[in-house]
Amino acid sequence: MTGDREQIYNLARKSFLVAKEDPLGGENQMIHTENFVLIDKEKRIRGYYDGTKLEEMEKLLADIEILKKSYEEI
């Protein structure tokens, strides 16, 4: 993601629920996880994937192709 850091952090923590809570981290400190989230152009979550599992990453890549094709049909 690119954009305003505070907005990105808020999206990750509150909207997409992907940032882990860290009692030592400040409000504007990003906490990284092993998870990937596929988000479409309308900012809808299309899937969650465990980045530590090969089969999950293969599914993510396949789902990205499906999503790309759905936009080509429009």
N, C-alpha and C. Protein backbone atom coordinates (compact mmCIF):
# COMPACT_ATOMS: atom_id res chain seq x y z
N MET A 1 0.84 -1.18 0.00
CA MET A 1 0.00 0.00 0.00
C MET A 1 0.88 1.23 0.00
N THR A 2 0.38 2.25 -0.62
CA THR A 2 1.05 3.54 -0.58
C THR A 2 0.05 4.59 -0.12
N GLY A 3 0.56 5.66 0.41
CA GLY A 3 -0.31 6.73 0.86
C GLY A 3 0.11 7.25 2.22
N ASP A 4 -0.80 7.99 2.83
CA ASP A 4 -0.55 8.58 4.13
C ASP A 4 -0.34 7.48 5.17
N ARG A 5 0.76 7.55 5.89
CA ARG A 5 1.12 6.50 6.86
C ARG A 5 0.03 6.29 7.90
N GLU A 6 -0.49 7.35 8.46
CA GLU A 6 -1.51 7.22 9.51
C GLU A 6 -2.77 6.53 8.97
N GLN A 7 -3.18 6.89 7.75
CA GLN A 7 -4.36 6.26 7.15
C GLN A 7 -4.12 4.77 6.90
N ILE A 8 -2.92 4.44 6.43
CA ILE A 8 -2.59 3.03 6.18
C ILE A 8 -2.62 2.25 7.49
N TYR A 9 -2.04 2.80 8.54
CA TYR A 9 -2.03 2.12 9.83
C TYR A 9 -3.44 1.91 10.35
N ASN A 10 -4.28 2.95 10.22
CA ASN A 10 -5.66 2.83 10.67
C ASN A 10 -6.41 1.76 9.89
N LEU A 11 -6.20 1.71 8.56
CA LEU A 11 -6.84 0.68 7.75
C LEU A 11 -6.41 -0.70 8.20
N ALA A 12 -5.11 -0.89 8.38
CA ALA A 12 -4.59 -2.21 8.77
C ALA A 12 -5.11 -2.63 10.13
N ARG A 13 -5.12 -1.72 11.07
CA ARG A 13 -5.50 -2.06 12.44
C ARG A 13 -7.00 -2.17 12.63
N LYS A 14 -7.76 -1.27 12.02
CA LYS A 14 -9.19 -1.20 12.32
C LYS A 14 -10.08 -1.78 11.23
N SER A 15 -9.78 -1.51 9.98
CA SER A 15 -10.67 -1.97 8.91
C SER A 15 -10.37 -3.38 8.46
N PHE A 16 -9.09 -3.67 8.21
CA PHE A 16 -8.73 -4.98 7.67
C PHE A 16 -8.32 -5.96 8.76
N LEU A 17 -8.13 -5.48 9.98
CA LEU A 17 -7.82 -6.33 11.13
C LEU A 17 -6.62 -7.23 10.89
N VAL A 18 -5.55 -6.67 10.33
CA VAL A 18 -4.37 -7.48 10.04
C VAL A 18 -3.18 -7.16 10.93
N ALA A 19 -3.19 -6.04 11.59
CA ALA A 19 -2.06 -5.69 12.44
C ALA A 19 -2.27 -6.27 13.83
N LYS A 20 -1.24 -6.88 14.34
CA LYS A 20 -1.31 -7.43 15.69
C LYS A 20 -1.13 -6.30 16.70
N GLU A 21 -1.84 -6.41 17.79
CA GLU A 21 -1.69 -5.42 18.85
C GLU A 21 -0.37 -5.65 19.57
N ASP A 22 0.32 -4.59 19.83
CA ASP A 22 1.60 -4.65 20.53
C ASP A 22 1.55 -3.65 21.66
N PRO A 23 1.60 -4.11 22.91
CA PRO A 23 1.51 -3.18 24.03
C PRO A 23 2.64 -2.15 24.05
N LEU A 24 3.75 -2.44 23.39
CA LEU A 24 4.87 -1.50 23.37
C LEU A 24 4.81 -0.58 22.16
N GLY A 25 4.01 -0.91 21.18
CA GLY A 25 3.92 -0.11 19.96
C GLY A 25 3.01 1.08 20.15
N GLY A 26 3.38 2.17 19.55
CA GLY A 26 2.55 3.35 19.61
C GLY A 26 1.42 3.27 18.61
N GLU A 27 0.55 4.26 18.64
CA GLU A 27 -0.61 4.30 17.77
C GLU A 27 -0.23 4.29 16.30
N ASN A 28 0.90 4.92 15.96
CA ASN A 28 1.33 5.00 14.57
C ASN A 28 2.47 4.06 14.24
N GLN A 29 2.64 3.01 15.02
CA GLN A 29 3.69 2.03 14.75
C GLN A 29 3.04 0.79 14.14
N MET A 30 3.51 0.41 12.93
CA MET A 30 2.95 -0.76 12.26
C MET A 30 3.54 -2.03 12.84
N ILE A 31 2.69 -2.98 13.09
CA ILE A 31 3.10 -4.28 13.56
C ILE A 31 2.84 -5.26 12.41
N HIS A 32 3.88 -5.88 11.90
CA HIS A 32 3.74 -6.76 10.74
C HIS A 32 3.29 -8.15 11.16
N THR A 33 2.55 -8.80 10.27
CA THR A 33 2.12 -10.17 10.48
C THR A 33 2.59 -11.01 9.30
N GLU A 34 2.40 -12.31 9.40
CA GLU A 34 2.75 -13.22 8.31
C GLU A 34 1.60 -13.35 7.31
N ASN A 35 0.52 -12.65 7.54
CA ASN A 35 -0.67 -12.77 6.71
C ASN A 35 -0.68 -11.77 5.55
N PHE A 36 -1.31 -12.21 4.46
CA PHE A 36 -1.57 -11.35 3.31
C PHE A 36 -3.07 -11.20 3.17
N VAL A 37 -3.50 -10.03 2.73
CA VAL A 37 -4.92 -9.78 2.51
C VAL A 37 -5.08 -9.31 1.07
N LEU A 38 -5.96 -9.94 0.32
CA LEU A 38 -6.26 -9.52 -1.04
C LEU A 38 -7.44 -8.57 -0.99
N ILE A 39 -7.22 -7.35 -1.48
CA ILE A 39 -8.23 -6.30 -1.42
C ILE A 39 -8.48 -5.80 -2.84
N ASP A 40 -9.75 -5.68 -3.22
CA ASP A 40 -10.06 -5.24 -4.57
C ASP A 40 -10.07 -3.72 -4.68
N LYS A 41 -10.38 -3.23 -5.88
CA LYS A 41 -10.36 -1.79 -6.14
C LYS A 41 -11.38 -1.03 -5.31
N GLU A 42 -12.42 -1.73 -4.89
CA GLU A 42 -13.47 -1.09 -4.08
C GLU A 42 -13.18 -1.21 -2.58
N LYS A 43 -11.98 -1.66 -2.26
CA LYS A 43 -11.51 -1.81 -0.87
C LYS A 43 -12.26 -2.90 -0.11
N ARG A 44 -12.73 -3.91 -0.85
CA ARG A 44 -13.37 -5.06 -0.21
C ARG A 44 -12.35 -6.16 -0.04
N ILE A 45 -12.41 -6.83 1.08
CA ILE A 45 -11.50 -7.95 1.33
C ILE A 45 -11.96 -9.15 0.51
N ARG A 46 -11.05 -9.70 -0.28
CA ARG A 46 -11.36 -10.86 -1.11
C ARG A 46 -10.77 -12.14 -0.54
N GLY A 47 -9.83 -12.01 0.40
CA GLY A 47 -9.27 -13.21 1.01
C GLY A 47 -8.14 -12.92 1.96
N TYR A 48 -7.95 -13.83 2.91
CA TYR A 48 -6.82 -13.80 3.85
C TYR A 48 -5.96 -15.02 3.55
N TYR A 49 -4.64 -14.84 3.63
CA TYR A 49 -3.71 -15.92 3.28
C TYR A 49 -2.55 -15.93 4.27
N ASP A 50 -2.16 -17.13 4.67
CA ASP A 50 -1.02 -17.32 5.58
C ASP A 50 0.25 -17.34 4.75
N GLY A 51 1.08 -16.32 4.90
CA GLY A 51 2.31 -16.19 4.13
C GLY A 51 3.38 -17.19 4.45
N THR A 52 3.16 -18.02 5.46
CA THR A 52 4.16 -19.03 5.82
C THR A 52 3.85 -20.39 5.18
N LYS A 53 2.74 -20.47 4.45
CA LYS A 53 2.33 -21.75 3.84
C LYS A 53 2.31 -21.62 2.32
N LEU A 54 3.07 -22.48 1.66
CA LEU A 54 3.18 -22.45 0.21
C LEU A 54 1.83 -22.56 -0.47
N GLU A 55 0.99 -23.47 0.00
CA GLU A 55 -0.32 -23.65 -0.65
C GLU A 55 -1.19 -22.40 -0.53
N GLU A 56 -1.03 -21.66 0.55
CA GLU A 56 -1.79 -20.41 0.72
C GLU A 56 -1.29 -19.35 -0.26
N MET A 57 0.01 -19.29 -0.46
CA MET A 57 0.57 -18.32 -1.40
C MET A 57 0.20 -18.67 -2.84
N GLU A 58 0.13 -19.95 -3.14
CA GLU A 58 -0.31 -20.37 -4.47
C GLU A 58 -1.77 -19.99 -4.69
N LYS A 59 -2.59 -20.14 -3.66
CA LYS A 59 -4.00 -19.75 -3.75
C LYS A 59 -4.12 -18.24 -3.92
N LEU A 60 -3.31 -17.48 -3.21
CA LEU A 60 -3.31 -16.02 -3.36
C LEU A 60 -3.01 -15.64 -4.81
N LEU A 61 -1.97 -16.23 -5.39
CA LEU A 61 -1.62 -15.91 -6.77
C LEU A 61 -2.75 -16.27 -7.73
N ALA A 62 -3.38 -17.41 -7.51
CA ALA A 62 -4.51 -17.81 -8.35
C ALA A 62 -5.68 -16.84 -8.19
N ASP A 63 -5.95 -16.44 -6.95
CA ASP A 63 -7.05 -15.51 -6.69
C ASP A 63 -6.78 -14.13 -7.29
N ILE A 64 -5.53 -13.72 -7.31
CA ILE A 64 -5.18 -12.45 -7.95
C ILE A 64 -5.51 -12.51 -9.44
N GLU A 65 -5.17 -13.61 -10.08
CA GLU A 65 -5.46 -13.77 -11.51
C GLU A 65 -6.97 -13.74 -11.77
N ILE A 66 -7.73 -14.41 -10.91
CA ILE A 66 -9.19 -14.40 -11.05
C ILE A 66 -9.72 -12.99 -10.90
N LEU A 67 -9.22 -12.26 -9.92
CA LEU A 67 -9.67 -10.89 -9.69
C LEU A 67 -9.31 -9.99 -10.87
N LYS A 68 -8.09 -10.14 -11.38
CA LYS A 68 -7.67 -9.35 -12.55
C LYS A 68 -8.58 -9.61 -13.74
N LYS A 69 -8.92 -10.87 -13.98
CA LYS A 69 -9.80 -11.22 -15.11
C LYS A 69 -11.19 -10.64 -14.92
N SER A 70 -11.66 -10.58 -13.68
CA SER A 70 -12.99 -10.02 -13.45
C SER A 70 -13.04 -8.54 -13.81
N TYR A 71 -11.93 -7.84 -13.67
CA TYR A 71 -11.89 -6.43 -14.05
C TYR A 71 -11.76 -6.27 -15.55
N GLU A 72 -11.16 -7.22 -16.24
CA GLU A 72 -11.05 -7.16 -17.70
C GLU A 72 -12.41 -7.34 -18.35
N GLU A 73 -13.31 -8.06 -17.70
CA GLU A 73 -14.64 -8.33 -18.25
C GLU A 73 -15.57 -7.13 -18.15
N ILE A 74 -15.21 -6.18 -17.33
CA ILE A 74 -16.08 -5.00 -17.11
C ILE A 74 -15.95 -4.03 -18.26
